[in-house]
Amino acid sequence: MSQRKTLGVIGAGAWGTALAQMLASDGREVILWAYEPEVVAAINADHRNPLYLPSATLAPTIRATGELADLATIDTVLVVTPAQVLGKVLGGLAHPPRDLVLCSKGIEAGSGRLMNDVAREASPGSAIAVLSGPTFAHEVAAGLPTAVTLACEGGGEQWARLAPAIARPAFRPYYSDDVTGAEIGGAVKNVLAIACGVVEGLALGQNARAALIARGFSEMTRFGEALGAQTETLAGLCGLGDLVLTCSSTSSRNFSLGKALGEGASAADLMADRHTVAEGAHTAPVLAELAGQRGIAMPIVAAVNAILGGANARAVVAELLARPLTAELDSDAKDIEA
C-alpha cells in the first residue's frame, strides 16, 4: 500500500464514490464516509456501491465508514454531500481538516449562501477550495479523461498542496483563485440543465436547446458578475464547460429531471422517487429569489422555478418566447431602448 497521505471523501453518492475511485487509482488509501450503513457494508465487503454507482468495481484501498471521527487525522478532505446538508455534516467533524475541497454544487436554501460560506462557518480553520467542472461520475470512475477547475482561496500555496494530491493521469485540475465563480458556475448550470431537459421532453428541437444554452450562459454570467465572480472563470471548465455537458445528456440527473417534466410528469413525484439528488431542483427557488432581490434578469431560471412549482411546461415556454424583443448583449440594450 502507498505510504502517501490518506485522503478523505465525505459523501458516497455517485460523485463521491467516483472521486474516491479516482483518488485511489494510484494505490493511495482513501477513507470514504457514507450516510447509509448498507453502502458502507457493500463497499467494504464487495468493493461496490450498488445503490449509487453500480457500474464500478472499487479499488481495494478505499475504506468506507459511517463515522466522521475516522477522518479526524486526515489533512485533505473532499466534501461531496448534497448541498442542503453540507453544513450539518461538516458540523459533525470534531477536528476540521487543513484543506476542505468542496465538490457539491448548489446554494443553501433559506440563507442563500454559497457552499464556501457554509463550510467556512461549519469548519473554521480549514482552508477552502472548490472542485468543479464537466464531470459525469461514471466516466471519472472508469478512468476516462476529465479536466476540472480547482479554485483555491489560499492561492498558489494551497494549490501546491492540493494539485499533486488530486491530479491523476486522466484527471487534470486547472488552477483558479476565484472560489465564488467556480461555485456559481456549478450551481447555476444545474438549473439550466433542467431547462434543457424540458426542451428535450417537449421535443422542441436542437435549435431551441442550443439557444437556451447560450442564453442561459448569459444569465449565469450576469448573476456571477453581480456576486463578484470573474467572467473568465464562468467561461471556463466550471461554467461553460459544465453547462455544455449537463445540458446535452440524460446522464445528467438535472437534464433527466427536466426531460421528465417536459413529458408531463410532476416534480413532486419525480423528486420523491429519485435515489440521487438533482441539485438544480433545490437551487432554482433560491436562485430565482436572489436574482429578484438583486434585480438580475434570469428569465430561464424563473421559468424552471415555475415549472418545478407545478406550472405547465409548454405554457411557460410559450411565455418565454413571447417576451419583448431585445438586444443579445446587455451592453447593446441602450441602443434599442432610445
C-alpha atoms as a PDB file:
ATOM      1  CA  MET A   1       0.000   0.000   0.000  1.00  0.00           C
ATOM      2  CA  SER A   2       1.171   3.538  -0.786  1.00  0.00           C
ATOM      3  CA  GLN A   3       2.821   5.452   2.056  1.00  0.00           C
ATOM      4  CA  ARG A   4       1.477   8.767   0.795  1.00  0.00           C
ATOM      5  CA  LYS A   5      -1.018  10.572   2.986  1.00  0.00           C
ATOM      6  CA  THR A   6      -4.503   9.160   3.203  1.00  0.00           C
ATOM      7  CA  LEU A   7      -7.250  11.258   1.610  1.00  0.00           C
ATOM      8  CA  GLY A   8     -10.825  11.589   2.824  1.00  0.00           C
ATOM      9  CA  VAL A   9     -14.110  11.856   0.935  1.00  0.00           C
ATOM     10  CA  ILE A  10     -17.344  12.783   2.701  1.00  0.00           C
ATOM     11  CA  GLY A  11     -20.375  11.547   0.776  1.00  0.00           C
ATOM     12  CA  ALA A  12     -20.709   8.213  -1.027  1.00  0.00           C
ATOM     13  CA  GLY A  13     -23.236   9.092  -3.686  1.00  0.00           C
ATOM     14  CA  ALA A  14     -22.280   8.538  -7.306  1.00  0.00           C
ATOM     15  CA  TRP A  15     -19.967  11.559  -7.474  1.00  0.00           C
ATOM     16  CA  GLY A  16     -18.315  10.993  -4.100  1.00  0.00           C
ATOM     17  CA  THR A  17     -17.733   7.333  -4.904  1.00  0.00           C
ATOM     18  CA  ALA A  18     -16.298   8.217  -8.307  1.00  0.00           C
ATOM     19  CA  LEU A  19     -13.900  10.723  -6.749  1.00  0.00           C
ATOM     20  CA  ALA A  20     -12.782   8.147  -4.188  1.00  0.00           C
ATOM     21  CA  GLN A  21     -12.161   5.670  -7.003  1.00  0.00           C
ATOM     22  CA  MET A  22     -10.172   8.241  -8.975  1.00  0.00           C
ATOM     23  CA  LEU A  23      -8.062   9.183  -5.947  1.00  0.00           C
ATOM     24  CA  ALA A  24      -7.368   5.517  -5.182  1.00  0.00           C
ATOM     25  CA  SER A  25      -6.378   4.730  -8.766  1.00  0.00           C
ATOM     26  CA  ASP A  26      -2.673   5.076  -7.951  1.00  0.00           C
ATOM     27  CA  GLY A  27      -2.851   2.935  -4.818  1.00  0.00           C
ATOM     28  CA  ARG A  28      -3.459   5.701  -2.313  1.00  0.00           C
ATOM     29  CA  GLU A  29      -5.621   4.910   0.708  1.00  0.00           C
ATOM     30  CA  VAL A  30      -8.964   6.744   0.708  1.00  0.00           C
ATOM     31  CA  ILE A  31     -11.458   6.820   3.563  1.00  0.00           C
ATOM     32  CA  LEU A  32     -14.990   7.298   2.222  1.00  0.00           C
ATOM     33  CA  TRP A  33     -17.734   8.398   4.618  1.00  0.00           C
ATOM     34  CA  ALA A  34     -21.239   7.196   3.740  1.00  0.00           C
ATOM     35  CA  TYR A  35     -24.549   8.025   5.368  1.00  0.00           C
ATOM     36  CA  GLU A  36     -26.175   4.663   4.628  1.00  0.00           C
ATOM     37  CA  PRO A  37     -24.892   1.631   6.617  1.00  0.00           C
ATOM     38  CA  GLU A  38     -25.676  -0.663   3.700  1.00  0.00           C
ATOM     39  CA  VAL A  39     -23.412   1.380   1.436  1.00  0.00           C
ATOM     40  CA  VAL A  40     -20.583   1.138   3.971  1.00  0.00           C
ATOM     41  CA  ALA A  41     -21.055  -2.636   4.196  1.00  0.00           C
ATOM     42  CA  ALA A  42     -21.185  -3.162   0.428  1.00  0.00           C
ATOM     43  CA  ILE A  43     -18.062  -1.110  -0.273  1.00  0.00           C
ATOM     44  CA  ASN A  44     -16.012  -2.837   2.414  1.00  0.00           C
ATOM     45  CA  ALA A  45     -17.232  -6.370   1.686  1.00  0.00           C
ATOM     46  CA  ASP A  46     -17.641  -6.338  -2.099  1.00  0.00           C
ATOM     47  CA  HIS A  47     -15.785  -3.209  -3.299  1.00  0.00           C
ATOM     48  CA  ARG A  48     -19.005  -1.978  -4.896  1.00  0.00           C
ATOM     49  CA  ASN A  49     -21.616   0.716  -4.334  1.00  0.00           C
ATOM     50  CA  PRO A  50     -24.732  -0.869  -5.866  1.00  0.00           C
ATOM     51  CA  LEU A  51     -27.037   1.902  -4.657  1.00  0.00           C
ATOM     52  CA  TYR A  52     -25.291   4.849  -6.295  1.00  0.00           C
ATOM     53  CA  LEU A  53     -22.573   3.663  -8.701  1.00  0.00           C
ATOM     54  CA  PRO A  54     -23.279   0.032  -9.638  1.00  0.00           C
ATOM     55  CA  SER A  55     -21.096   0.137 -12.767  1.00  0.00           C
ATOM     56  CA  ALA A  56     -17.807   0.462 -10.868  1.00  0.00           C
ATOM     57  CA  THR A  57     -15.644  -2.119  -9.135  1.00  0.00           C
ATOM     58  CA  LEU A  58     -13.901  -0.079  -6.466  1.00  0.00           C
ATOM     59  CA  ALA A  59     -10.230  -0.112  -5.563  1.00  0.00           C
ATOM     60  CA  PRO A  60      -9.290  -2.208  -2.513  1.00  0.00           C
ATOM     61  CA  THR A  61      -7.597   0.820  -0.926  1.00  0.00           C
ATOM     62  CA  ILE A  62     -10.986   2.529  -0.469  1.00  0.00           C
ATOM     63  CA  ARG A  63     -12.307   2.003   3.051  1.00  0.00           C
ATOM     64  CA  ALA A  64     -15.858   3.064   3.803  1.00  0.00           C
ATOM     65  CA  THR A  65     -17.008   4.268   7.200  1.00  0.00           C
ATOM     66  CA  GLY A  66     -20.115   5.675   8.809  1.00  0.00           C
ATOM     67  CA  GLU A  67     -18.124   7.552  11.467  1.00  0.00           C
ATOM     68  CA  LEU A  68     -16.873  11.061  10.753  1.00  0.00           C
ATOM     69  CA  ALA A  69     -14.370  10.543  13.577  1.00  0.00           C
ATOM     70  CA  ASP A  70     -12.451   8.206  11.254  1.00  0.00           C
ATOM     71  CA  LEU A  71     -11.437  11.263   9.203  1.00  0.00           C
ATOM     72  CA  ALA A  72     -10.079  13.166  12.197  1.00  0.00           C
ATOM     73  CA  THR A  73      -6.391  12.842  11.294  1.00  0.00           C
ATOM     74  CA  ILE A  74      -6.752  13.436   7.548  1.00  0.00           C
ATOM     75  CA  ASP A  75      -5.351  16.717   6.203  1.00  0.00           C
ATOM     76  CA  THR A  76      -7.267  16.849   2.897  1.00  0.00           C
ATOM     77  CA  VAL A  77     -10.964  16.013   2.706  1.00  0.00           C
ATOM     78  CA  LEU A  78     -13.220  16.259  -0.347  1.00  0.00           C
ATOM     79  CA  VAL A  79     -16.829  17.081   0.579  1.00  0.00           C
ATOM     80  CA  VAL A  80     -19.477  15.637  -1.733  1.00  0.00           C
ATOM     81  CA  THR A  81     -22.650  15.685   0.350  1.00  0.00           C
ATOM     82  CA  PRO A  82     -25.897  17.124  -1.060  1.00  0.00           C
ATOM     83  CA  ALA A  83     -25.640  20.903  -0.847  1.00  0.00           C
ATOM     84  CA  GLN A  84     -28.556  21.300   1.543  1.00  0.00           C
ATOM     85  CA  VAL A  85     -26.976  19.135   4.271  1.00  0.00           C
ATOM     86  CA  LEU A  86     -23.359  20.214   3.850  1.00  0.00           C
ATOM     87  CA  GLY A  87     -23.322  22.468   6.907  1.00  0.00           C
ATOM     88  CA  LYS A  88     -24.925  19.856   9.135  1.00  0.00           C
ATOM     89  CA  VAL A  89     -22.490  17.140   8.070  1.00  0.00           C
ATOM     90  CA  LEU A  90     -19.420  19.347   8.451  1.00  0.00           C
ATOM     91  CA  GLY A  91     -20.643  20.325  11.889  1.00  0.00           C
ATOM     92  CA  GLY A  92     -20.029  16.721  12.903  1.00  0.00           C
ATOM     93  CA  LEU A  93     -16.283  16.986  12.283  1.00  0.00           C
ATOM     94  CA  ALA A  94     -14.527  17.146  15.636  1.00  0.00           C
ATOM     95  CA  HIS A  95     -11.220  18.174  14.029  1.00  0.00           C
ATOM     96  CA  PRO A  96     -11.532  20.364  10.910  1.00  0.00           C
ATOM     97  CA  PRO A  97      -9.026  19.279   8.241  1.00  0.00           C
ATOM     98  CA  ARG A  98      -6.386  21.631   6.916  1.00  0.00           C
ATOM     99  CA  ASP A  99      -7.957  21.639   3.433  1.00  0.00           C
ATOM    100  CA  LEU A 100     -11.659  21.203   2.622  1.00  0.00           C
ATOM    101  CA  VAL A 101     -12.287  20.668  -1.082  1.00  0.00           C
ATOM    102  CA  LEU A 102     -15.950  21.364  -1.851  1.00  0.00           C
ATOM    103  CA  CYS A 103     -17.379  19.249  -4.646  1.00  0.00           C
ATOM    104  CA  SER A 104     -21.098  19.846  -4.008  1.00  0.00           C
ATOM    105  CA  LYS A 105     -22.895  22.214  -6.393  1.00  0.00           C
ATOM    106  CA  GLY A 106     -25.707  24.332  -5.029  1.00  0.00           C
ATOM    107  CA  ILE A 107     -26.898  27.281  -2.955  1.00  0.00           C
ATOM    108  CA  GLU A 108     -28.203  26.848   0.575  1.00  0.00           C
ATOM    109  CA  ALA A 109     -31.969  27.249   0.776  1.00  0.00           C
ATOM    110  CA  GLY A 110     -33.168  29.793   3.299  1.00  0.00           C
ATOM    111  CA  SER A 111     -29.860  31.626   3.681  1.00  0.00           C
ATOM    112  CA  GLY A 112     -28.893  31.974   0.010  1.00  0.00           C
ATOM    113  CA  ARG A 113     -25.278  31.199   0.918  1.00  0.00           C
ATOM    114  CA  LEU A 114     -22.768  29.554  -1.389  1.00  0.00           C
ATOM    115  CA  MET A 115     -21.171  26.343  -0.170  1.00  0.00           C
ATOM    116  CA  ASN A 116     -17.854  28.024   0.679  1.00  0.00           C
ATOM    117  CA  ASP A 117     -19.660  30.352   3.089  1.00  0.00           C
ATOM    118  CA  VAL A 118     -21.478  27.416   4.673  1.00  0.00           C
ATOM    119  CA  ALA A 119     -18.239  25.438   5.018  1.00  0.00           C
ATOM    120  CA  ARG A 120     -16.288  28.355   6.444  1.00  0.00           C
ATOM    121  CA  GLU A 121     -18.782  28.688   9.284  1.00  0.00           C
ATOM    122  CA  ALA A 122     -19.126  24.948   9.903  1.00  0.00           C
ATOM    123  CA  SER A 123     -15.404  24.187   9.728  1.00  0.00           C
ATOM    124  CA  PRO A 124     -13.487  27.269  10.918  1.00  0.00           C
ATOM    125  CA  GLY A 125      -9.779  26.955  10.464  1.00  0.00           C
ATOM    126  CA  SER A 126      -9.969  24.889   7.281  1.00  0.00           C
ATOM    127  CA  ALA A 127      -8.698  26.361   4.021  1.00  0.00           C
ATOM    128  CA  ILE A 128     -11.465  26.147   1.418  1.00  0.00           C
ATOM    129  CA  ALA A 129     -11.119  25.031  -2.188  1.00  0.00           C
ATOM    130  CA  VAL A 130     -13.771  24.274  -4.810  1.00  0.00           C
ATOM    131  CA  LEU A 131     -13.512  21.473  -7.362  1.00  0.00           C
ATOM    132  CA  SER A 132     -15.954  21.860 -10.235  1.00  0.00           C
ATOM    133  CA  GLY A 133     -16.219  21.140 -13.933  1.00  0.00           C
ATOM    134  CA  PRO A 134     -17.742  18.889 -16.606  1.00  0.00           C
ATOM    135  CA  THR A 135     -17.784  15.563 -14.799  1.00  0.00           C
ATOM    136  CA  PHE A 136     -20.085  12.589 -15.159  1.00  0.00           C
ATOM    137  CA  ALA A 137     -19.418  10.271 -12.236  1.00  0.00           C
ATOM    138  CA  HIS A 138     -19.408   7.022 -14.193  1.00  0.00           C
ATOM    139  CA  GLU A 139     -16.787   8.367 -16.615  1.00  0.00           C
ATOM    140  CA  VAL A 140     -14.490   9.566 -13.830  1.00  0.00           C
ATOM    141  CA  ALA A 141     -14.825   6.198 -12.074  1.00  0.00           C
ATOM    142  CA  ALA A 142     -13.945   4.444 -15.329  1.00  0.00           C
ATOM    143  CA  GLY A 143     -10.753   6.485 -15.681  1.00  0.00           C
ATOM    144  CA  LEU A 144     -11.839   8.440 -18.753  1.00  0.00           C
ATOM    145  CA  PRO A 145     -10.060  11.784 -19.354  1.00  0.00           C
ATOM    146  CA  THR A 146     -11.507  14.626 -17.288  1.00  0.00           C
ATOM    147  CA  ALA A 147     -10.488  18.238 -16.661  1.00  0.00           C
ATOM    148  CA  VAL A 148     -11.778  20.406 -13.801  1.00  0.00           C
ATOM    149  CA  THR A 149     -11.297  23.758 -12.142  1.00  0.00           C
ATOM    150  CA  LEU A 150      -9.675  23.683  -8.709  1.00  0.00           C
ATOM    151  CA  ALA A 151     -10.300  27.083  -7.157  1.00  0.00           C
ATOM    152  CA  CYS A 152      -8.222  27.749  -4.048  1.00  0.00           C
ATOM    153  CA  GLU A 153      -8.978  30.537  -1.600  1.00  0.00           C
ATOM    154  CA  GLY A 154      -5.438  30.063  -0.281  1.00  0.00           C
ATOM    155  CA  GLY A 155      -3.952  30.877  -3.671  1.00  0.00           C
ATOM    156  CA  GLY A 156      -0.808  29.267  -5.026  1.00  0.00           C
ATOM    157  CA  GLU A 157       0.315  27.891  -1.673  1.00  0.00           C
ATOM    158  CA  GLN A 158      -2.857  25.852  -1.263  1.00  0.00           C
ATOM    159  CA  TRP A 159      -2.744  24.814  -4.928  1.00  0.00           C
ATOM    160  CA  ALA A 160       0.782  23.491  -4.421  1.00  0.00           C
ATOM    161  CA  ARG A 161      -0.544  21.217  -1.672  1.00  0.00           C
ATOM    162  CA  LEU A 162      -3.737  20.087  -3.368  1.00  0.00           C
ATOM    163  CA  ALA A 163      -2.893  19.693  -7.038  1.00  0.00           C
ATOM    164  CA  PRO A 164      -0.371  16.838  -6.588  1.00  0.00           C
ATOM    165  CA  ALA A 165      -2.745  15.078  -4.185  1.00  0.00           C
ATOM    166  CA  ILE A 166      -5.748  15.269  -6.512  1.00  0.00           C
ATOM    167  CA  ALA A 167      -4.314  15.108 -10.037  1.00  0.00           C
ATOM    168  CA  ARG A 168      -4.112  11.736 -11.765  1.00  0.00           C
ATOM    169  CA  PRO A 169      -3.104  10.841 -15.345  1.00  0.00           C
ATOM    170  CA  ALA A 170      -6.732  11.004 -16.514  1.00  0.00           C
ATOM    171  CA  PHE A 171      -7.910  13.676 -14.049  1.00  0.00           C
ATOM    172  CA  ARG A 172      -6.425  17.110 -14.683  1.00  0.00           C
ATOM    173  CA  PRO A 173      -7.170  20.111 -12.421  1.00  0.00           C
ATOM    174  CA  TYR A 174      -6.625  23.695 -13.596  1.00  0.00           C
ATOM    175  CA  TYR A 175      -5.847  26.426 -11.066  1.00  0.00           C
ATOM    176  CA  SER A 176      -8.123  29.339 -10.215  1.00  0.00           C
ATOM    177  CA  ASP A 177      -8.302  31.719  -7.280  1.00  0.00           C
ATOM    178  CA  ASP A 178     -11.986  32.507  -7.994  1.00  0.00           C
ATOM    179  CA  VAL A 179     -13.866  30.365  -5.476  1.00  0.00           C
ATOM    180  CA  THR A 180     -17.073  32.354  -5.970  1.00  0.00           C
ATOM    181  CA  GLY A 181     -17.027  31.933  -9.746  1.00  0.00           C
ATOM    182  CA  ALA A 182     -16.335  28.198  -9.532  1.00  0.00           C
ATOM    183  CA  GLU A 183     -19.284  27.743  -7.209  1.00  0.00           C
ATOM    184  CA  ILE A 184     -21.728  29.886  -9.170  1.00  0.00           C
ATOM    185  CA  GLY A 185     -20.948  28.089 -12.411  1.00  0.00           C
ATOM    186  CA  GLY A 186     -21.732  24.712 -10.863  1.00  0.00           C
ATOM    187  CA  ALA A 187     -24.886  25.871  -9.101  1.00  0.00           C
ATOM    188  CA  VAL A 188     -26.482  27.781 -11.981  1.00  0.00           C
ATOM    189  CA  LYS A 189     -25.732  25.176 -14.642  1.00  0.00           C
ATOM    190  CA  ASN A 190     -27.812  22.624 -12.703  1.00  0.00           C
ATOM    191  CA  VAL A 191     -30.900  24.801 -13.089  1.00  0.00           C
ATOM    192  CA  LEU A 192     -30.170  25.423 -16.763  1.00  0.00           C
ATOM    193  CA  ALA A 193     -29.741  21.686 -17.332  1.00  0.00           C
ATOM    194  CA  ILE A 194     -33.298  21.175 -16.087  1.00  0.00           C
ATOM    195  CA  ALA A 195     -34.437  23.761 -18.635  1.00  0.00           C
ATOM    196  CA  CYS A 196     -32.647  21.930 -21.446  1.00  0.00           C
ATOM    197  CA  GLY A 197     -34.249  18.690 -20.312  1.00  0.00           C
ATOM    198  CA  VAL A 198     -37.665  20.350 -20.516  1.00  0.00           C
ATOM    199  CA  VAL A 199     -36.867  21.384 -24.099  1.00  0.00           C
ATOM    200  CA  GLU A 200     -35.989  17.760 -24.872  1.00  0.00           C
ATOM    201  CA  GLY A 201     -39.126  16.450 -23.173  1.00  0.00           C
ATOM    202  CA  LEU A 202     -41.295  18.846 -25.178  1.00  0.00           C
ATOM    203  CA  ALA A 203     -39.500  17.812 -28.416  1.00  0.00           C
ATOM    204  CA  LEU A 204     -38.675  21.436 -29.264  1.00  0.00           C
ATOM    205  CA  GLY A 205     -35.549  20.527 -31.202  1.00  0.00           C
ATOM    206  CA  GLN A 206     -31.811  21.104 -31.221  1.00  0.00           C
ATOM    207  CA  ASN A 207     -32.061  24.760 -32.283  1.00  0.00           C
ATOM    208  CA  ALA A 208     -34.023  25.538 -29.128  1.00  0.00           C
ATOM    209  CA  ARG A 209     -31.569  23.703 -26.893  1.00  0.00           C
ATOM    210  CA  ALA A 210     -28.552  25.490 -28.391  1.00  0.00           C
ATOM    211  CA  ALA A 211     -30.264  28.843 -27.974  1.00  0.00           C
ATOM    212  CA  LEU A 212     -31.159  28.016 -24.379  1.00  0.00           C
ATOM    213  CA  ILE A 213     -27.561  27.060 -23.550  1.00  0.00           C
ATOM    214  CA  ALA A 214     -26.299  30.371 -24.962  1.00  0.00           C
ATOM    215  CA  ARG A 215     -28.965  32.497 -23.293  1.00  0.00           C
ATOM    216  CA  GLY A 216     -28.573  30.520 -20.078  1.00  0.00           C
ATOM    217  CA  PHE A 217     -24.857  31.235 -20.078  1.00  0.00           C
ATOM    218  CA  SER A 218     -25.725  34.933 -20.287  1.00  0.00           C
ATOM    219  CA  GLU A 219     -27.864  34.531 -17.164  1.00  0.00           C
ATOM    220  CA  MET A 220     -25.050  32.685 -15.391  1.00  0.00           C
ATOM    221  CA  THR A 221     -22.614  35.446 -16.299  1.00  0.00           C
ATOM    222  CA  ARG A 222     -24.915  38.252 -15.135  1.00  0.00           C
ATOM    223  CA  PHE A 223     -25.531  36.556 -11.819  1.00  0.00           C
ATOM    224  CA  GLY A 224     -21.875  35.674 -11.301  1.00  0.00           C
ATOM    225  CA  GLU A 225     -20.610  39.155 -12.063  1.00  0.00           C
ATOM    226  CA  ALA A 226     -23.149  40.634  -9.639  1.00  0.00           C
ATOM    227  CA  LEU A 227     -21.714  38.439  -6.869  1.00  0.00           C
ATOM    228  CA  GLY A 228     -18.091  39.224  -7.721  1.00  0.00           C
ATOM    229  CA  ALA A 229     -17.178  36.263  -9.915  1.00  0.00           C
ATOM    230  CA  GLN A 230     -14.672  36.632 -12.722  1.00  0.00           C
ATOM    231  CA  THR A 231     -16.163  36.405 -16.213  1.00  0.00           C
ATOM    232  CA  GLU A 232     -13.198  34.294 -17.326  1.00  0.00           C
ATOM    233  CA  THR A 233     -13.976  31.700 -14.660  1.00  0.00           C
ATOM    234  CA  LEU A 234     -17.561  31.351 -15.851  1.00  0.00           C
ATOM    235  CA  ALA A 235     -16.334  30.919 -19.429  1.00  0.00           C
ATOM    236  CA  GLY A 236     -14.097  28.035 -18.326  1.00  0.00           C
ATOM    237  CA  LEU A 237     -14.468  24.440 -17.255  1.00  0.00           C
ATOM    238  CA  CYS A 238     -16.574  25.096 -14.150  1.00  0.00           C
ATOM    239  CA  GLY A 239     -19.027  27.328 -16.012  1.00  0.00           C
ATOM    240  CA  LEU A 240     -19.492  26.954 -19.731  1.00  0.00           C
ATOM    241  CA  GLY A 241     -17.774  23.556 -19.863  1.00  0.00           C
ATOM    242  CA  ASP A 242     -20.028  22.064 -17.200  1.00  0.00           C
ATOM    243  CA  LEU A 243     -23.071  23.749 -18.757  1.00  0.00           C
ATOM    244  CA  VAL A 244     -22.493  22.177 -22.170  1.00  0.00           C
ATOM    245  CA  LEU A 245     -22.035  18.711 -20.681  1.00  0.00           C
ATOM    246  CA  THR A 246     -25.055  18.657 -18.403  1.00  0.00           C
ATOM    247  CA  CYS A 247     -27.379  20.281 -20.941  1.00  0.00           C
ATOM    248  CA  SER A 248     -26.720  17.597 -23.519  1.00  0.00           C
ATOM    249  CA  SER A 249     -27.133  14.158 -21.976  1.00  0.00           C
ATOM    250  CA  THR A 250     -29.558  12.050 -19.964  1.00  0.00           C
ATOM    251  CA  SER A 251     -26.533  11.020 -17.883  1.00  0.00           C
ATOM    252  CA  SER A 252     -27.162  14.357 -16.146  1.00  0.00           C
ATOM    253  CA  ARG A 253     -29.620  13.960 -13.268  1.00  0.00           C
ATOM    254  CA  ASN A 254     -30.841  17.508 -13.776  1.00  0.00           C
ATOM    255  CA  PHE A 255     -31.342  17.062 -17.519  1.00  0.00           C
ATOM    256  CA  SER A 256     -33.226  13.804 -16.880  1.00  0.00           C
ATOM    257  CA  LEU A 257     -35.468  15.543 -14.357  1.00  0.00           C
ATOM    258  CA  GLY A 258     -36.262  18.304 -16.832  1.00  0.00           C
ATOM    259  CA  LYS A 259     -36.956  15.826 -19.621  1.00  0.00           C
ATOM    260  CA  ALA A 260     -39.483  14.018 -17.447  1.00  0.00           C
ATOM    261  CA  LEU A 261     -41.107  17.350 -16.511  1.00  0.00           C
ATOM    262  CA  GLY A 262     -41.379  18.235 -20.191  1.00  0.00           C
ATOM    263  CA  GLU A 263     -43.031  14.891 -20.839  1.00  0.00           C
ATOM    264  CA  GLY A 264     -45.712  15.707 -18.271  1.00  0.00           C
ATOM    265  CA  ALA A 265     -44.511  14.152 -15.010  1.00  0.00           C
ATOM    266  CA  SER A 266     -44.953  16.106 -11.777  1.00  0.00           C
ATOM    267  CA  ALA A 267     -41.938  17.477  -9.932  1.00  0.00           C
ATOM    268  CA  ALA A 268     -43.189  16.133  -6.596  1.00  0.00           C
ATOM    269  CA  ASP A 269     -43.461  12.579  -7.903  1.00  0.00           C
ATOM    270  CA  LEU A 270     -40.082  12.713  -9.619  1.00  0.00           C
ATOM    271  CA  MET A 271     -38.236  14.033  -6.583  1.00  0.00           C
ATOM    272  CA  ALA A 272     -39.895  11.513  -4.269  1.00  0.00           C
ATOM    273  CA  ASP A 273     -38.811   8.571  -6.418  1.00  0.00           C
ATOM    274  CA  ARG A 274     -35.194   9.574  -7.050  1.00  0.00           C
ATOM    275  CA  HIS A 275     -32.337   7.834  -5.221  1.00  0.00           C
ATOM    276  CA  THR A 276     -29.936  10.532  -6.359  1.00  0.00           C
ATOM    277  CA  VAL A 277     -30.255  14.260  -5.891  1.00  0.00           C
ATOM    278  CA  ALA A 278     -30.999  16.641  -8.772  1.00  0.00           C
ATOM    279  CA  GLU A 279     -29.464  19.665  -7.086  1.00  0.00           C
ATOM    280  CA  GLY A 280     -30.982  22.080  -9.597  1.00  0.00           C
ATOM    281  CA  ALA A 281     -34.449  21.445  -8.174  1.00  0.00           C
ATOM    282  CA  HIS A 282     -33.296  22.742  -4.778  1.00  0.00           C
ATOM    283  CA  THR A 283     -31.219  25.556  -6.257  1.00  0.00           C
ATOM    284  CA  ALA A 284     -33.866  27.002  -8.604  1.00  0.00           C
ATOM    285  CA  PRO A 285     -36.120  28.607  -5.933  1.00  0.00           C
ATOM    286  CA  VAL A 286     -33.295  30.252  -4.007  1.00  0.00           C
ATOM    287  CA  LEU A 287     -31.524  31.336  -7.213  1.00  0.00           C
ATOM    288  CA  ALA A 288     -34.729  32.894  -8.555  1.00  0.00           C
ATOM    289  CA  GLU A 289     -35.248  34.685  -5.233  1.00  0.00           C
ATOM    290  CA  LEU A 290     -31.686  36.032  -5.129  1.00  0.00           C
ATOM    291  CA  ALA A 291     -31.935  37.219  -8.727  1.00  0.00           C
ATOM    292  CA  GLY A 292     -35.190  39.008  -7.948  1.00  0.00           C
ATOM    293  CA  GLN A 293     -33.745  40.685  -4.868  1.00  0.00           C
ATOM    294  CA  ARG A 294     -30.757  41.972  -6.850  1.00  0.00           C
ATOM    295  CA  GLY A 295     -32.678  42.930  -9.978  1.00  0.00           C
ATOM    296  CA  ILE A 296     -30.804  40.428 -12.150  1.00  0.00           C
ATOM    297  CA  ALA A 297     -32.707  39.294 -15.250  1.00  0.00           C
ATOM    298  CA  MET A 298     -32.805  35.476 -15.232  1.00  0.00           C
ATOM    299  CA  PRO A 299     -35.962  34.508 -17.161  1.00  0.00           C
ATOM    300  CA  ILE A 300     -34.852  30.918 -17.813  1.00  0.00           C
ATOM    301  CA  VAL A 301     -34.197  30.327 -14.123  1.00  0.00           C
ATOM    302  CA  ALA A 302     -37.588  31.853 -13.308  1.00  0.00           C
ATOM    303  CA  ALA A 303     -39.234  29.556 -15.853  1.00  0.00           C
ATOM    304  CA  VAL A 304     -37.628  26.454 -14.353  1.00  0.00           C
ATOM    305  CA  ASN A 305     -38.735  27.545 -10.905  1.00  0.00           C
ATOM    306  CA  ALA A 306     -42.296  27.959 -12.148  1.00  0.00           C
ATOM    307  CA  ILE A 307     -42.334  24.506 -13.750  1.00  0.00           C
ATOM    308  CA  LEU A 308     -40.944  22.912 -10.585  1.00  0.00           C
ATOM    309  CA  GLY A 309     -43.755  24.671  -8.743  1.00  0.00           C
ATOM    310  CA  GLY A 310     -46.375  22.973 -10.913  1.00  0.00           C
ATOM    311  CA  ALA A 311     -46.801  25.336 -13.884  1.00  0.00           C
ATOM    312  CA  ASN A 312     -47.474  23.773 -17.277  1.00  0.00           C
ATOM    313  CA  ALA A 313     -44.150  23.396 -19.077  1.00  0.00           C
ATOM    314  CA  ARG A 314     -45.455  24.172 -22.562  1.00  0.00           C
ATOM    315  CA  ALA A 315     -47.253  27.294 -21.317  1.00  0.00           C
ATOM    316  CA  VAL A 316     -44.128  28.520 -19.540  1.00  0.00           C
ATOM    317  CA  VAL A 317     -42.051  28.061 -22.702  1.00  0.00           C
ATOM    318  CA  ALA A 318     -44.668  29.996 -24.680  1.00  0.00           C
ATOM    319  CA  GLU A 319     -44.340  32.859 -22.196  1.00  0.00           C
ATOM    320  CA  LEU A 320     -40.563  32.855 -22.636  1.00  0.00           C
ATOM    321  CA  LEU A 321     -40.924  33.048 -26.416  1.00  0.00           C
ATOM    322  CA  ALA A 322     -43.417  35.914 -26.085  1.00  0.00           C
ATOM    323  CA  ARG A 323     -41.064  38.157 -24.087  1.00  0.00           C
ATOM    324  CA  PRO A 324     -40.302  41.565 -25.655  1.00  0.00           C
ATOM    325  CA  LEU A 325     -37.592  41.559 -28.293  1.00  0.00           C
ATOM    326  CA  THR A 326     -34.282  42.866 -27.007  1.00  0.00           C
ATOM    327  CA  ALA A 327     -30.546  43.019 -27.661  1.00  0.00           C
ATOM    328  CA  GLU A 328     -28.430  39.882 -27.271  1.00  0.00           C
ATOM    329  CA  LEU A 329     -25.779  41.725 -25.256  1.00  0.00           C
ATOM    330  CA  ASP A 330     -26.705  43.779 -22.219  1.00  0.00           C
ATOM    331  CA  SER A 331     -24.289  46.478 -23.366  1.00  0.00           C
ATOM    332  CA  ASP A 332     -26.300  46.946 -26.571  1.00  0.00           C
ATOM    333  CA  ALA A 333     -29.698  47.225 -24.897  1.00  0.00           C
ATOM    334  CA  LYS A 334     -29.467  51.038 -24.582  1.00  0.00           C
ATOM    335  CA  ASP A 335     -29.249  51.366 -28.379  1.00  0.00           C
ATOM    336  CA  ILE A 336     -32.728  49.898 -28.923  1.00  0.00           C
ATOM    337  CA  GLU A 337     -34.343  51.471 -25.882  1.00  0.00           C
ATOM    338  CA  ALA A 338     -33.713  55.037 -27.057  1.00  0.00           C
END
